[in-house]
Amino acid sequence: MYTIYHNPRCKKSRAGLQYLQEKTSDFKVVEYLKDPLTFDQLKDLLMRLNKKPQEMIRTQETMYKQNFKGKNFHDDEWIQIMVENPKLIKRPIVVKGSKAVWGDPAEEIGQLF
């Protein structure tokens, strides 16, 4: 089973969901703004993505620019920032087993098939 961490208001996330729907029906959708990730869940996702926390921050968000741009935080601090501000997490993220991909562009999800 696949899991997609999705924000329905995001064009890229909707494209990722559509790509997944075209490939399989064996998935579940997690709207992470409504059902926020815990610190441990996000840390696990980052490990599956093989990404550092800062690589998964949406740096174009106003919240990032006003509060975090140019500041140095260690990985656990970035994870906590993303847990408290899930809008800052790049999306969509699709997980299959021990692997995950950031689905931007949506074709990146194909790596999991």
PDB file of N, CA and C in Angstrom:
ATOM      1  N   MET A   1       0.833  -1.188   0.000  1.00  0.00           N
ATOM      2  CA  MET A   1       0.000   0.000   0.000  1.00  0.00           C
ATOM      3  C   MET A   1       0.877   1.251   0.000  1.00  0.00           C
ATOM      4  N   TYR A   2       0.413   2.240  -0.731  1.00  0.00           N
ATOM      5  CA  TYR A   2       1.065   3.543  -0.794  1.00  0.00           C
ATOM      6  C   TYR A   2       0.352   4.490   0.159  1.00  0.00           C
ATOM      7  N   THR A   3       1.092   5.458   0.656  1.00  0.00           N
ATOM      8  CA  THR A   3       0.511   6.533   1.447  1.00  0.00           C
ATOM      9  C   THR A   3       0.961   7.843   0.828  1.00  0.00           C
ATOM     10  N   ILE A   4       0.025   8.753   0.614  1.00  0.00           N
ATOM     11  CA  ILE A   4       0.366  10.076   0.100  1.00  0.00           C
ATOM     12  C   ILE A   4       0.014  11.109   1.163  1.00  0.00           C
ATOM     13  N   TYR A   5       1.004  11.910   1.514  1.00  0.00           N
ATOM     14  CA  TYR A   5       0.807  13.036   2.427  1.00  0.00           C
ATOM     15  C   TYR A   5       0.453  14.217   1.541  1.00  0.00           C
ATOM     16  N   HIS A   6      -0.763  14.690   1.697  1.00  0.00           N
ATOM     17  CA  HIS A   6      -1.416  15.516   0.683  1.00  0.00           C
ATOM     18  C   HIS A   6      -2.035  16.763   1.288  1.00  0.00           C
ATOM     19  N   ASN A   7      -1.982  17.840   0.501  1.00  0.00           N
ATOM     20  CA  ASN A   7      -2.703  19.073   0.818  1.00  0.00           C
ATOM     21  C   ASN A   7      -3.599  19.364  -0.388  1.00  0.00           C
ATOM     22  N   PRO A   8      -4.909  19.179  -0.269  1.00  0.00           N
ATOM     23  CA  PRO A   8      -5.801  19.349  -1.413  1.00  0.00           C
ATOM     24  C   PRO A   8      -5.827  20.765  -1.994  1.00  0.00           C
ATOM     25  N   ARG A   9      -5.317  21.739  -1.258  1.00  0.00           N
ATOM     26  CA  ARG A   9      -5.304  23.116  -1.771  1.00  0.00           C
ATOM     27  C   ARG A   9      -4.065  23.407  -2.612  1.00  0.00           C
ATOM     28  N   CYS A  10      -3.143  22.435  -2.683  1.00  0.00           N
ATOM     29  CA  CYS A  10      -1.879  22.626  -3.393  1.00  0.00           C
ATOM     30  C   CYS A  10      -1.933  21.971  -4.775  1.00  0.00           C
ATOM     31  N   LYS A  11      -1.628  22.750  -5.802  1.00  0.00           N
ATOM     32  CA  LYS A  11      -1.655  22.267  -7.180  1.00  0.00           C
ATOM     33  C   LYS A  11      -0.700  21.085  -7.371  1.00  0.00           C
ATOM     34  N   LYS A  12       0.510  21.172  -6.841  1.00  0.00           N
ATOM     35  CA  LYS A  12       1.485  20.092  -6.992  1.00  0.00           C
ATOM     36  C   LYS A  12       1.035  18.838  -6.267  1.00  0.00           C
ATOM     37  N   SER A  13       0.423  19.009  -5.122  1.00  0.00           N
ATOM     38  CA  SER A  13      -0.072  17.871  -4.363  1.00  0.00           C
ATOM     39  C   SER A  13      -1.241  17.203  -5.094  1.00  0.00           C
ATOM     40  N   ARG A  14      -2.122  17.997  -5.671  1.00  0.00           N
ATOM     41  CA  ARG A  14      -3.231  17.434  -6.444  1.00  0.00           C
ATOM     42  C   ARG A  14      -2.713  16.667  -7.659  1.00  0.00           C
ATOM     43  N   ALA A  15      -1.673  17.186  -8.302  1.00  0.00           N
ATOM     44  CA  ALA A  15      -1.073  16.488  -9.450  1.00  0.00           C
ATOM     45  C   ALA A  15      -0.474  15.152  -9.003  1.00  0.00           C
ATOM     46  N   GLY A  16       0.154  15.145  -7.840  1.00  0.00           N
ATOM     47  CA  GLY A  16       0.715  13.905  -7.311  1.00  0.00           C
ATOM     48  C   GLY A  16      -0.361  12.875  -7.015  1.00  0.00           C
ATOM     49  N   LEU A  17      -1.460  13.326  -6.437  1.00  0.00           N
ATOM     50  CA  LEU A  17      -2.575  12.426  -6.139  1.00  0.00           C
ATOM     51  C   LEU A  17      -3.164  11.868  -7.430  1.00  0.00           C
ATOM     52  N   GLN A  18      -3.314  12.703  -8.430  1.00  0.00           N
ATOM     53  CA  GLN A  18      -3.854  12.251  -9.713  1.00  0.00           C
ATOM     54  C   GLN A  18      -2.929  11.207 -10.337  1.00  0.00           C
ATOM     55  N   TYR A  19      -1.623  11.459 -10.279  1.00  0.00           N
ATOM     56  CA  TYR A  19      -0.655  10.493 -10.814  1.00  0.00           C
ATOM     57  C   TYR A  19      -0.814   9.149 -10.110  1.00  0.00           C
ATOM     58  N   LEU A  20      -0.909   9.178  -8.804  1.00  0.00           N
ATOM     59  CA  LEU A  20      -1.060   7.956  -8.016  1.00  0.00           C
ATOM     60  C   LEU A  20      -2.363   7.242  -8.370  1.00  0.00           C
ATOM     61  N   GLN A  21      -3.450   7.998  -8.525  1.00  0.00           N
ATOM     62  CA  GLN A  21      -4.748   7.413  -8.871  1.00  0.00           C
ATOM     63  C   GLN A  21      -4.704   6.721 -10.235  1.00  0.00           C
ATOM     64  N   GLU A  22      -3.898   7.256 -11.147  1.00  0.00           N
ATOM     65  CA  GLU A  22      -3.780   6.657 -12.482  1.00  0.00           C
ATOM     66  C   GLU A  22      -2.975   5.363 -12.463  1.00  0.00           C
ATOM     67  N   LYS A  23      -2.143   5.174 -11.440  1.00  0.00           N
ATOM     68  CA  LYS A  23      -1.265   4.005 -11.369  1.00  0.00           C
ATOM     69  C   LYS A  23      -1.816   2.878 -10.500  1.00  0.00           C
ATOM     70  N   THR A  24      -2.581   3.224  -9.461  1.00  0.00           N
ATOM     71  CA  THR A  24      -3.030   2.210  -8.505  1.00  0.00           C
ATOM     72  C   THR A  24      -4.228   2.713  -7.714  1.00  0.00           C
ATOM     73  N   SER A  25      -4.951   1.775  -7.140  1.00  0.00           N
ATOM     74  CA  SER A  25      -6.019   2.143  -6.202  1.00  0.00           C
ATOM     75  C   SER A  25      -5.611   1.752  -4.782  1.00  0.00           C
ATOM     76  N   ASP A  26      -4.416   1.203  -4.643  1.00  0.00           N
ATOM     77  CA  ASP A  26      -3.921   0.705  -3.366  1.00  0.00           C
ATOM     78  C   ASP A  26      -3.148   1.803  -2.625  1.00  0.00           C
ATOM     79  N   PHE A  27      -3.875   2.809  -2.156  1.00  0.00           N
ATOM     80  CA  PHE A  27      -3.220   3.900  -1.423  1.00  0.00           C
ATOM     81  C   PHE A  27      -4.186   4.521  -0.432  1.00  0.00           C
ATOM     82  N   LYS A  28      -3.600   5.211   0.523  1.00  0.00           N
ATOM     83  CA  LYS A  28      -4.420   5.999   1.444  1.00  0.00           C
ATOM     84  C   LYS A  28      -3.890   7.432   1.408  1.00  0.00           C
ATOM     85  N   VAL A  29      -4.795   8.351   1.641  1.00  0.00           N
ATOM     86  CA  VAL A  29      -4.476   9.780   1.635  1.00  0.00           C
ATOM     87  C   VAL A  29      -4.438  10.273   3.068  1.00  0.00           C
ATOM     88  N   VAL A  30      -3.349  10.962   3.403  1.00  0.00           N
ATOM     89  CA  VAL A  30      -3.237  11.610   4.707  1.00  0.00           C
ATOM     90  C   VAL A  30      -3.171  13.111   4.451  1.00  0.00           C
ATOM     91  N   GLU A  31      -4.214  13.813   4.860  1.00  0.00           N
ATOM     92  CA  GLU A  31      -4.204  15.273   4.755  1.00  0.00           C
ATOM     93  C   GLU A  31      -3.473  15.799   5.984  1.00  0.00           C
ATOM     94  N   TYR A  32      -2.180  16.018   5.832  1.00  0.00           N
ATOM     95  CA  TYR A  32      -1.326  16.298   6.979  1.00  0.00           C
ATOM     96  C   TYR A  32      -1.572  17.657   7.630  1.00  0.00           C
ATOM     97  N   LEU A  33      -2.327  18.527   6.991  1.00  0.00           N
ATOM     98  CA  LEU A  33      -2.694  19.785   7.657  1.00  0.00           C
ATOM     99  C   LEU A  33      -3.845  19.538   8.642  1.00  0.00           C
ATOM    100  N   LYS A  34      -4.714  18.563   8.321  1.00  0.00           N
ATOM    101  CA  LYS A  34      -5.820  18.212   9.212  1.00  0.00           C
ATOM    102  C   LYS A  34      -5.393  17.190  10.260  1.00  0.00           C
ATOM    103  N   ASP A  35      -4.484  16.306   9.865  1.00  0.00           N
ATOM    104  CA  ASP A  35      -4.009  15.231  10.735  1.00  0.00           C
ATOM    105  C   ASP A  35      -2.487  15.365  10.829  1.00  0.00           C
ATOM    106  N   PRO A  36      -2.001  16.303  11.641  1.00  0.00           N
ATOM    107  CA  PRO A  36      -0.574  16.641  11.644  1.00  0.00           C
ATOM    108  C   PRO A  36       0.327  15.474  12.033  1.00  0.00           C
ATOM    109  N   LEU A  37       1.518  15.511  11.461  1.00  0.00           N
ATOM    110  CA  LEU A  37       2.542  14.518  11.762  1.00  0.00           C
ATOM    111  C   LEU A  37       3.155  14.793  13.133  1.00  0.00           C
ATOM    112  N   THR A  38       3.543  13.723  13.798  1.00  0.00           N
ATOM    113  CA  THR A  38       4.292  13.881  15.039  1.00  0.00           C
ATOM    114  C   THR A  38       5.765  14.066  14.693  1.00  0.00           C
ATOM    115  N   PHE A  39       6.532  14.444  15.673  1.00  0.00           N
ATOM    116  CA  PHE A  39       7.971  14.593  15.495  1.00  0.00           C
ATOM    117  C   PHE A  39       8.570  13.288  14.963  1.00  0.00           C
ATOM    118  N   ASP A  40       8.234  12.169  15.600  1.00  0.00           N
ATOM    119  CA  ASP A  40       8.804  10.877  15.197  1.00  0.00           C
ATOM    120  C   ASP A  40       8.340  10.459  13.803  1.00  0.00           C
ATOM    121  N   GLN A  41       7.087  10.730  13.467  1.00  0.00           N
ATOM    122  CA  GLN A  41       6.599  10.395  12.125  1.00  0.00           C
ATOM    123  C   GLN A  41       7.344  11.189  11.058  1.00  0.00           C
ATOM    124  N   LEU A  42       7.546  12.477  11.313  1.00  0.00           N
ATOM    125  CA  LEU A  42       8.244  13.309  10.342  1.00  0.00           C
ATOM    126  C   LEU A  42       9.713  12.900  10.235  1.00  0.00           C
ATOM    127  N   LYS A  43      10.324  12.594  11.347  1.00  0.00           N
ATOM    128  CA  LYS A  43      11.722  12.145  11.326  1.00  0.00           C
ATOM    129  C   LYS A  43      11.849  10.857  10.507  1.00  0.00           C
ATOM    130  N   ASP A  44      10.904   9.941  10.684  1.00  0.00           N
ATOM    131  CA  ASP A  44      10.894   8.700   9.920  1.00  0.00           C
ATOM    132  C   ASP A  44      10.688   8.972   8.431  1.00  0.00           C
ATOM    133  N   LEU A  45       9.779   9.869   8.102  1.00  0.00           N
ATOM    134  CA  LEU A  45       9.551  10.223   6.701  1.00  0.00           C
ATOM    135  C   LEU A  45      10.824  10.781   6.067  1.00  0.00           C
ATOM    136  N   LEU A  46      11.507  11.656   6.770  1.00  0.00           N
ATOM    137  CA  LEU A  46      12.741  12.246   6.250  1.00  0.00           C
ATOM    138  C   LEU A  46      13.798  11.173   6.011  1.00  0.00           C
ATOM    139  N   MET A  47      13.870  10.192   6.890  1.00  0.00           N
ATOM    140  CA  MET A  47      14.814   9.092   6.710  1.00  0.00           C
ATOM    141  C   MET A  47      14.451   8.305   5.443  1.00  0.00           C
ATOM    142  N   ARG A  48      13.173   8.022   5.247  1.00  0.00           N
ATOM    143  CA  ARG A  48      12.738   7.291   4.053  1.00  0.00           C
ATOM    144  C   ARG A  48      12.991   8.093   2.775  1.00  0.00           C
ATOM    145  N   LEU A  49      12.866   9.412   2.887  1.00  0.00           N
ATOM    146  CA  LEU A  49      13.136  10.292   1.750  1.00  0.00           C
ATOM    147  C   LEU A  49      14.636  10.445   1.483  1.00  0.00           C
ATOM    148  N   ASN A  50      15.438  10.114   2.496  1.00  0.00           N
ATOM    149  CA  ASN A  50      16.879  10.347   2.448  1.00  0.00           C
ATOM    150  C   ASN A  50      17.173  11.840   2.250  1.00  0.00           C
ATOM    151  N   LYS A  51      16.462  12.649   3.039  1.00  0.00           N
ATOM    152  CA  LYS A  51      16.600  14.106   2.967  1.00  0.00           C
ATOM    153  C   LYS A  51      16.860  14.673   4.350  1.00  0.00           C
ATOM    154  N   LYS A  52      17.593  15.762   4.387  1.00  0.00           N
ATOM    155  CA  LYS A  52      17.758  16.538   5.607  1.00  0.00           C
ATOM    156  C   LYS A  52      16.490  17.382   5.773  1.00  0.00           C
ATOM    157  N   PRO A  53      16.125  17.692   6.999  1.00  0.00           N
ATOM    158  CA  PRO A  53      14.903  18.477   7.213  1.00  0.00           C
ATOM    159  C   PRO A  53      14.848  19.765   6.389  1.00  0.00           C
ATOM    160  N   GLN A  54      15.946  20.485   6.330  1.00  0.00           N
ATOM    161  CA  GLN A  54      15.918  21.766   5.634  1.00  0.00           C
ATOM    162  C   GLN A  54      15.653  21.611   4.134  1.00  0.00           C
ATOM    163  N   GLU A  55      15.958  20.436   3.580  1.00  0.00           N
ATOM    164  CA  GLU A  55      15.698  20.186   2.157  1.00  0.00           C
ATOM    165  C   GLU A  55      14.209  20.070   1.857  1.00  0.00           C
ATOM    166  N   MET A  56      13.400  19.829   2.881  1.00  0.00           N
ATOM    167  CA  MET A  56      11.962  19.642   2.694  1.00  0.00           C
ATOM    168  C   MET A  56      11.143  20.827   3.184  1.00  0.00           C
ATOM    169  N   ILE A  57      11.800  21.963   3.354  1.00  0.00           N
ATOM    170  CA  ILE A  57      11.128  23.196   3.776  1.00  0.00           C
ATOM    171  C   ILE A  57      10.707  24.000   2.546  1.00  0.00           C
ATOM    172  N   ARG A  58       9.482  24.464   2.565  1.00  0.00           N
ATOM    173  CA  ARG A  58       8.977  25.345   1.494  1.00  0.00           C
ATOM    174  C   ARG A  58       9.463  26.766   1.783  1.00  0.00           C
ATOM    175  N   THR A  59      10.569  27.116   1.163  1.00  0.00           N
ATOM    176  CA  THR A  59      11.226  28.394   1.450  1.00  0.00           C
ATOM    177  C   THR A  59      10.513  29.597   0.835  1.00  0.00           C
ATOM    178  N   GLN A  60       9.528  29.369  -0.024  1.00  0.00           N
ATOM    179  CA  GLN A  60       8.798  30.485  -0.612  1.00  0.00           C
ATOM    180  C   GLN A  60       7.600  30.916   0.228  1.00  0.00           C
ATOM    181  N   GLU A  61       7.308  30.147   1.258  1.00  0.00           N
ATOM    182  CA  GLU A  61       6.196  30.506   2.149  1.00  0.00           C
ATOM    183  C   GLU A  61       6.532  31.784   2.917  1.00  0.00           C
ATOM    184  N   THR A  62       5.551  32.662   3.053  1.00  0.00           N
ATOM    185  CA  THR A  62       5.724  33.906   3.805  1.00  0.00           C
ATOM    186  C   THR A  62       6.163  33.611   5.237  1.00  0.00           C
ATOM    187  N   MET A  63       5.575  32.595   5.845  1.00  0.00           N
ATOM    188  CA  MET A  63       5.924  32.234   7.219  1.00  0.00           C
ATOM    189  C   MET A  63       7.421  31.912   7.338  1.00  0.00           C
ATOM    190  N   TYR A  64       7.950  31.205   6.351  1.00  0.00           N
ATOM    191  CA  TYR A  64       9.379  30.881   6.363  1.00  0.00           C
ATOM    192  C   TYR A  64      10.205  32.163   6.246  1.00  0.00           C
ATOM    193  N   LYS A  65       9.855  32.983   5.281  1.00  0.00           N
ATOM    194  CA  LYS A  65      10.621  34.214   5.037  1.00  0.00           C
ATOM    195  C   LYS A  65      10.613  35.133   6.250  1.00  0.00           C
ATOM    196  N   GLN A  66       9.482  35.218   6.928  1.00  0.00           N
ATOM    197  CA  GLN A  66       9.359  36.133   8.064  1.00  0.00           C
ATOM    198  C   GLN A  66       9.988  35.595   9.348  1.00  0.00           C
ATOM    199  N   ASN A  67       9.981  34.288   9.514  1.00  0.00           N
ATOM    200  CA  ASN A  67      10.373  33.721  10.805  1.00  0.00           C
ATOM    201  C   ASN A  67      11.648  32.876  10.815  1.00  0.00           C
ATOM    202  N   PHE A  68      12.018  32.297   9.669  1.00  0.00           N
ATOM    203  CA  PHE A  68      13.085  31.312   9.702  1.00  0.00           C
ATOM    204  C   PHE A  68      14.225  31.538   8.714  1.00  0.00           C
ATOM    205  N   LYS A  69      14.000  32.330   7.679  1.00  0.00           N
ATOM    206  CA  LYS A  69      15.017  32.550   6.657  1.00  0.00           C
ATOM    207  C   LYS A  69      16.290  33.125   7.287  1.00  0.00           C
ATOM    208  N   GLY A  70      17.420  32.513   6.909  1.00  0.00           N
ATOM    209  CA  GLY A  70      18.706  33.006   7.371  1.00  0.00           C
ATOM    210  C   GLY A  70      19.095  32.556   8.766  1.00  0.00           C
ATOM    211  N   LYS A  71      18.230  31.800   9.415  1.00  0.00           N
ATOM    212  CA  LYS A  71      18.538  31.326  10.766  1.00  0.00           C
ATOM    213  C   LYS A  71      19.081  29.907  10.692  1.00  0.00           C
ATOM    214  N   ASN A  72      19.967  29.585  11.613  1.00  0.00           N
ATOM    215  CA  ASN A  72      20.558  28.258  11.656  1.00  0.00           C
ATOM    216  C   ASN A  72      19.943  27.444  12.781  1.00  0.00           C
ATOM    217  N   PHE A  73      19.383  26.304  12.405  1.00  0.00           N
ATOM    218  CA  PHE A  73      18.806  25.373  13.359  1.00  0.00           C
ATOM    219  C   PHE A  73      19.412  24.002  13.086  1.00  0.00           C
ATOM    220  N   HIS A  74      19.519  23.173  14.113  1.00  0.00           N
ATOM    221  CA  HIS A  74      19.970  21.809  13.860  1.00  0.00           C
ATOM    222  C   HIS A  74      18.773  20.985  13.394  1.00  0.00           C
ATOM    223  N   ASP A  75      19.028  19.770  12.918  1.00  0.00           N
ATOM    224  CA  ASP A  75      17.985  18.960  12.285  1.00  0.00           C
ATOM    225  C   ASP A  75      16.745  18.781  13.154  1.00  0.00           C
ATOM    226  N   ASP A  76      16.929  18.453  14.427  1.00  0.00           N
ATOM    227  CA  ASP A  76      15.763  18.238  15.293  1.00  0.00           C
ATOM    228  C   ASP A  76      14.946  19.514  15.471  1.00  0.00           C
ATOM    229  N   GLU A  77      15.613  20.658  15.475  1.00  0.00           N
ATOM    230  CA  GLU A  77      14.878  21.927  15.572  1.00  0.00           C
ATOM    231  C   GLU A  77      14.057  22.170  14.310  1.00  0.00           C
ATOM    232  N   TRP A  78      14.636  21.877  13.121  1.00  0.00           N
ATOM    233  CA  TRP A  78      13.887  22.034  11.873  1.00  0.00           C
ATOM    234  C   TRP A  78      12.682  21.106  11.864  1.00  0.00           C
ATOM    235  N   ILE A  79      12.875  19.874  12.341  1.00  0.00           N
ATOM    236  CA  ILE A  79      11.757  18.932  12.378  1.00  0.00           C
ATOM    237  C   ILE A  79      10.649  19.478  13.270  1.00  0.00           C
ATOM    238  N   GLN A  80      11.011  19.994  14.433  1.00  0.00           N
ATOM    239  CA  GLN A  80      10.003  20.555  15.341  1.00  0.00           C
ATOM    240  C   GLN A  80       9.308  21.763  14.704  1.00  0.00           C
ATOM    241  N   ILE A  81      10.040  22.581  13.995  1.00  0.00           N
ATOM    242  CA  ILE A  81       9.456  23.731  13.287  1.00  0.00           C
ATOM    243  C   ILE A  81       8.427  23.243  12.267  1.00  0.00           C
ATOM    244  N   MET A  82       8.742  22.181  11.541  1.00  0.00           N
ATOM    245  CA  MET A  82       7.812  21.649  10.543  1.00  0.00           C
ATOM    246  C   MET A  82       6.603  20.997  11.203  1.00  0.00           C
ATOM    247  N   VAL A  83       6.796  20.340  12.340  1.00  0.00           N
ATOM    248  CA  VAL A  83       5.670  19.751  13.073  1.00  0.00           C
ATOM    249  C   VAL A  83       4.707  20.856  13.518  1.00  0.00           C
ATOM    250  N   GLU A  84       5.257  21.958  14.005  1.00  0.00           N
ATOM    251  CA  GLU A  84       4.430  23.070  14.485  1.00  0.00           C
ATOM    252  C   GLU A  84       3.857  23.911  13.353  1.00  0.00           C
ATOM    253  N   ASN A  85       4.476  23.829  12.173  1.00  0.00           N
ATOM    254  CA  ASN A  85       4.058  24.626  11.012  1.00  0.00           C
ATOM    255  C   ASN A  85       4.016  23.714   9.783  1.00  0.00           C
ATOM    256  N   PRO A  86       3.072  22.781   9.710  1.00  0.00           N
ATOM    257  CA  PRO A  86       3.087  21.783   8.635  1.00  0.00           C
ATOM    258  C   PRO A  86       2.951  22.364   7.234  1.00  0.00           C
ATOM    259  N   LYS A  87       2.475  23.578   7.140  1.00  0.00           N
ATOM    260  CA  LYS A  87       2.376  24.225   5.833  1.00  0.00           C
ATOM    261  C   LYS A  87       3.761  24.388   5.191  1.00  0.00           C
ATOM    262  N   LEU A  88       4.811  24.351   6.010  1.00  0.00           N
ATOM    263  CA  LEU A  88       6.172  24.503   5.504  1.00  0.00           C
ATOM    264  C   LEU A  88       6.735  23.237   4.866  1.00  0.00           C
ATOM    265  N   ILE A  89       6.051  22.110   5.006  1.00  0.00           N
ATOM    266  CA  ILE A  89       6.559  20.836   4.474  1.00  0.00           C
ATOM    267  C   ILE A  89       6.249  20.743   2.978  1.00  0.00           C
ATOM    268  N   LYS A  90       7.289  20.427   2.193  1.00  0.00           N
ATOM    269  CA  LYS A  90       7.085  20.233   0.760  1.00  0.00           C
ATOM    270  C   LYS A  90       6.146  19.061   0.541  1.00  0.00           C
ATOM    271  N   ARG A  91       5.350  19.150  -0.511  1.00  0.00           N
ATOM    272  CA  ARG A  91       4.351  18.136  -0.788  1.00  0.00           C
ATOM    273  C   ARG A  91       4.206  17.921  -2.284  1.00  0.00           C
ATOM    274  N   PRO A  92       3.631  16.802  -2.652  1.00  0.00           N
ATOM    275  CA  PRO A  92       3.213  15.668  -1.842  1.00  0.00           C
ATOM    276  C   PRO A  92       4.398  14.755  -1.521  1.00  0.00           C
ATOM    277  N   ILE A  93       4.257  14.007  -0.474  1.00  0.00           N
ATOM    278  CA  ILE A  93       5.219  12.955  -0.141  1.00  0.00           C
ATOM    279  C   ILE A  93       4.469  11.636  -0.267  1.00  0.00           C
ATOM    280  N   VAL A  94       5.065  10.706  -1.010  1.00  0.00           N
ATOM    281  CA  VAL A  94       4.446   9.396  -1.206  1.00  0.00           C
ATOM    282  C   VAL A  94       5.376   8.336  -0.642  1.00  0.00           C
ATOM    283  N   VAL A  95       4.803   7.417   0.128  1.00  0.00           N
ATOM    284  CA  VAL A  95       5.566   6.370   0.805  1.00  0.00           C
ATOM    285  C   VAL A  95       5.092   5.010   0.316  1.00  0.00           C
ATOM    286  N   LYS A  96       6.051   4.132   0.099  1.00  0.00           N
ATOM    287  CA  LYS A  96       5.768   2.719  -0.197  1.00  0.00           C
ATOM    288  C   LYS A  96       6.839   1.915   0.529  1.00  0.00           C
ATOM    289  N   GLY A  97       6.429   1.188   1.550  1.00  0.00           N
ATOM    290  CA  GLY A  97       7.387   0.393   2.314  1.00  0.00           C
ATOM    291  C   GLY A  97       8.407   1.283   3.001  1.00  0.00           C
ATOM    292  N   SER A  98       9.675   0.977   2.782  1.00  0.00           N
ATOM    293  CA  SER A  98      10.745   1.731   3.444  1.00  0.00           C
ATOM    294  C   SER A  98      11.217   2.931   2.628  1.00  0.00           C
ATOM    295  N   LYS A  99      10.596   3.182   1.486  1.00  0.00           N
ATOM    296  CA  LYS A  99      11.018   4.288   0.619  1.00  0.00           C
ATOM    297  C   LYS A  99       9.931   5.342   0.509  1.00  0.00           C
ATOM    298  N   ALA A 100      10.395   6.565   0.269  1.00  0.00           N
ATOM    299  CA  ALA A 100       9.473   7.679   0.054  1.00  0.00           C
ATOM    300  C   ALA A 100      10.075   8.609  -0.981  1.00  0.00           C
ATOM    301  N   VAL A 101       9.220   9.331  -1.675  1.00  0.00           N
ATOM    302  CA  VAL A 101       9.665  10.342  -2.636  1.00  0.00           C
ATOM    303  C   VAL A 101       8.833  11.595  -2.452  1.00  0.00           C
ATOM    304  N   TRP A 102       9.470  12.707  -2.793  1.00  0.00           N
ATOM    305  CA  TRP A 102       8.754  13.976  -2.886  1.00  0.00           C
ATOM    306  C   TRP A 102       8.224  14.033  -4.308  1.00  0.00           C
ATOM    307  N   GLY A 103       6.930  14.112  -4.470  1.00  0.00           N
ATOM    308  CA  GLY A 103       6.292  14.024  -5.774  1.00  0.00           C
ATOM    309  C   GLY A 103       6.222  15.325  -6.534  1.00  0.00           C
ATOM    310  N   ASP A 104       7.319  16.004  -6.691  1.00  0.00           N
ATOM    311  CA  ASP A 104       7.364  17.237  -7.488  1.00  0.00           C
ATOM    312  C   ASP A 104       8.587  17.176  -8.393  1.00  0.00           C
ATOM    313  N   PRO A 105       8.361  16.937  -9.684  1.00  0.00           N
ATOM    314  CA  PRO A 105       7.075  16.767 -10.354  1.00  0.00           C
ATOM    315  C   PRO A 105       6.450  15.411 -10.023  1.00  0.00           C
ATOM    316  N   ALA A 106       5.191  15.266 -10.376  1.00  0.00           N
ATOM    317  CA  ALA A 106       4.433  14.068 -10.015  1.00  0.00           C
ATOM    318  C   ALA A 106       5.088  12.783 -10.529  1.00  0.00           C
ATOM    319  N   GLU A 107       5.800  12.872 -11.637  1.00  0.00           N
ATOM    320  CA  GLU A 107       6.436  11.693 -12.216  1.00  0.00           C
ATOM    321  C   GLU A 107       7.484  11.068 -11.295  1.00  0.00           C
ATOM    322  N   GLU A 108       7.963  11.831 -10.325  1.00  0.00           N
ATOM    323  CA  GLU A 108       8.923  11.303  -9.347  1.00  0.00           C
ATOM    324  C   GLU A 108       8.320  10.136  -8.574  1.00  0.00           C
ATOM    325  N   ILE A 109       7.000  10.127  -8.442  1.00  0.00           N
ATOM    326  CA  ILE A 109       6.307   9.061  -7.723  1.00  0.00           C
ATOM    327  C   ILE A 109       6.544   7.721  -8.417  1.00  0.00           C
ATOM    328  N   GLY A 110       6.789   7.746  -9.717  1.00  0.00           N
ATOM    329  CA  GLY A 110       7.046   6.531 -10.482  1.00  0.00           C
ATOM    330  C   GLY A 110       8.226   5.729  -9.954  1.00  0.00           C
ATOM    331  N   GLN A 111       9.130   6.351  -9.221  1.00  0.00           N
ATOM    332  CA  GLN A 111      10.268   5.630  -8.649  1.00  0.00           C
ATOM    333  C   GLN A 111       9.818   4.539  -7.675  1.00  0.00           C
ATOM    334  N   LEU A 112       8.630   4.662  -7.134  1.00  0.00           N
ATOM    335  CA  LEU A 112       8.134   3.713  -6.137  1.00  0.00           C
ATOM    336  C   LEU A 112       7.439   2.504  -6.770  1.00  0.00           C
ATOM    337  N   PHE A 113       7.223   2.540  -8.082  1.00  0.00           N
ATOM    338  CA  PHE A 113       6.526   1.436  -8.758  1.00  0.00           C
ATOM    339  C   PHE A 113       7.514   0.449  -9.329  1.00  0.00           C
TER     340      PHE A 113
END
